[in-house]
Protein backbone atom coordinates (compact mmCIF):
# COMPACT_ATOMS: atom_id res chain seq x y z
CA MET A 1 0.00 0.00 0.00
CA LEU A 2 1.26 3.49 -0.85
CA ASN A 3 0.78 6.34 1.61
CA LEU A 4 -0.41 9.42 -0.25
CA PRO A 5 1.26 12.73 0.54
CA ASN A 6 -1.02 15.37 2.03
CA ASP A 7 -0.30 17.85 -0.75
CA LEU A 8 -1.18 15.55 -3.68
CA PHE A 9 -4.46 17.42 -4.18
CA SER A 10 -5.38 21.00 -3.45
CA ALA A 11 -8.47 23.18 -3.33
CA ASP A 12 -7.23 24.79 -6.55
CA ASN A 13 -6.83 21.43 -8.27
CA PRO A 14 -9.29 18.96 -6.69
CA ALA A 15 -9.36 15.30 -7.60
CA LEU A 16 -12.14 14.14 -9.95
CA PHE A 17 -12.71 11.01 -7.85
CA PRO A 18 -11.33 9.33 -4.71
CA LEU A 19 -8.49 6.88 -5.17
CA GLY A 20 -9.40 4.69 -2.21
CA GLN A 21 -6.60 2.44 -0.98
CA VAL A 22 -3.63 2.74 -3.34
CA VAL A 23 -1.59 -0.38 -4.04
CA ALA A 24 1.16 -1.27 -6.50
CA THR A 25 2.47 -4.55 -7.80
CA PRO A 26 6.17 -5.40 -7.57
CA GLY A 27 6.49 -5.03 -11.34
CA ALA A 28 4.97 -1.55 -11.29
CA LEU A 29 7.24 -0.44 -8.46
CA ALA A 30 10.29 -1.81 -10.30
CA LEU A 31 9.30 -0.01 -13.52
CA LEU A 32 8.78 3.27 -11.68
CA GLU A 33 12.14 2.90 -9.96
CA GLU A 34 13.87 2.00 -13.24
CA HIS A 35 12.58 5.26 -14.78
CA GLN A 36 13.09 7.29 -11.59
CA MET A 37 9.39 8.15 -11.66
CA ASP A 38 7.51 9.07 -8.50
CA PRO A 39 4.26 7.03 -8.33
CA PHE A 40 2.45 10.13 -7.08
CA THR A 41 3.14 11.90 -10.38
CA ILE A 42 1.28 9.12 -12.20
CA LEU A 43 -1.51 9.04 -9.60
CA ASN A 44 -1.92 12.80 -9.86
CA ARG A 45 -2.36 12.53 -13.64
CA HIS A 46 -4.86 9.68 -13.24
CA VAL A 47 -7.01 11.38 -10.60
CA HIS A 48 -7.20 14.57 -12.68
CA GLY A 49 -8.47 12.84 -15.82
CA ASP A 50 -5.20 12.54 -17.74
CA TRP A 51 -5.73 8.94 -18.84
CA GLY A 52 -2.24 8.65 -20.26
CA ASP A 53 -0.51 8.44 -23.58
CA ALA A 54 -1.11 4.74 -24.27
CA LEU A 55 -4.91 4.49 -24.46
CA PRO A 56 -6.97 4.39 -27.64
CA PHE A 57 -9.58 7.11 -28.11
CA GLU A 58 -12.42 4.68 -27.34
CA ASP A 59 -10.95 3.93 -23.90
CA VAL A 60 -10.51 7.63 -23.18
CA GLU A 61 -14.17 8.18 -24.00
CA ALA A 62 -15.14 5.17 -21.85
CA ASN A 63 -13.21 6.67 -18.91
CA ASN A 64 -14.95 10.01 -19.34
CA ALA A 65 -18.32 8.25 -19.22
CA ALA A 66 -17.19 6.09 -16.29
CA LEU A 67 -16.60 9.21 -14.22
CA ILE A 68 -20.31 9.98 -14.48
CA GLN A 69 -21.63 6.42 -14.38
CA GLY A 70 -19.43 5.15 -11.56
CA GLU A 71 -17.55 2.50 -13.50
CA ARG A 72 -13.94 1.32 -13.42
CA LEU A 73 -11.28 3.75 -14.67
CA LEU A 74 -8.16 2.67 -16.57
CA SER A 75 -5.16 4.83 -17.41
CA ALA A 76 -2.09 3.72 -19.37
CA TYR A 77 1.21 5.58 -19.35
CA ARG A 78 4.33 4.90 -21.40
CA LEU A 79 7.56 4.60 -19.46
CA GLY A 80 10.27 3.95 -21.99
CA LYS A 81 9.29 0.89 -24.03
CA ASP A 82 6.92 -0.31 -21.30
CA LYS A 83 3.45 0.66 -20.15
CA LEU A 84 2.11 1.20 -16.67
CA TYR A 85 -1.59 0.74 -15.95
CA VAL A 86 -3.50 2.53 -13.21
CA ILE A 87 -6.92 1.08 -12.43
CA SER A 88 -9.48 2.57 -10.04
CA GLU A 89 -12.28 0.16 -9.21
CA TRP A 90 -15.89 1.09 -9.93
CA ASP A 91 -16.61 1.80 -6.25
CA ARG A 92 -13.34 3.79 -5.90
CA SER A 93 -12.28 1.56 -2.99
CA VAL A 94 -8.91 0.62 -4.53
CA THR A 95 -6.54 2.07 -7.12
CA THR A 96 -3.84 -0.26 -8.42
CA LEU A 97 -0.63 0.48 -10.32
CA LEU A 98 0.43 -2.53 -12.38
CA MET A 99 2.16 -3.73 -15.52
CA PRO A 100 -0.01 -5.01 -18.39
CA SER A 101 1.53 -8.46 -17.87
CA GLU A 102 0.21 -8.40 -14.29
CA TYR A 103 -3.35 -7.58 -15.34
């Protein structure tokens, strides 16, 4: 489980949805470390509706609808030649960072 910093969100830039408990797989943590990427940077993008640079248009549109309809949200970010997924469950109880191979 990742402990979120208190300043991840602000009144000037509120989150679009709650992340719930945030967890990461060993593969995701290794990829983030390999690229010297802070997981909170990725989480901040996800929670503000930046669904990443590795999703087709249809999935972006599905995420936008899921915000309203209360469905699962999926972001995909490129880190080098790899991708990192961030998934927030439909009930917003858990957000997971994982590699596509761990899906």
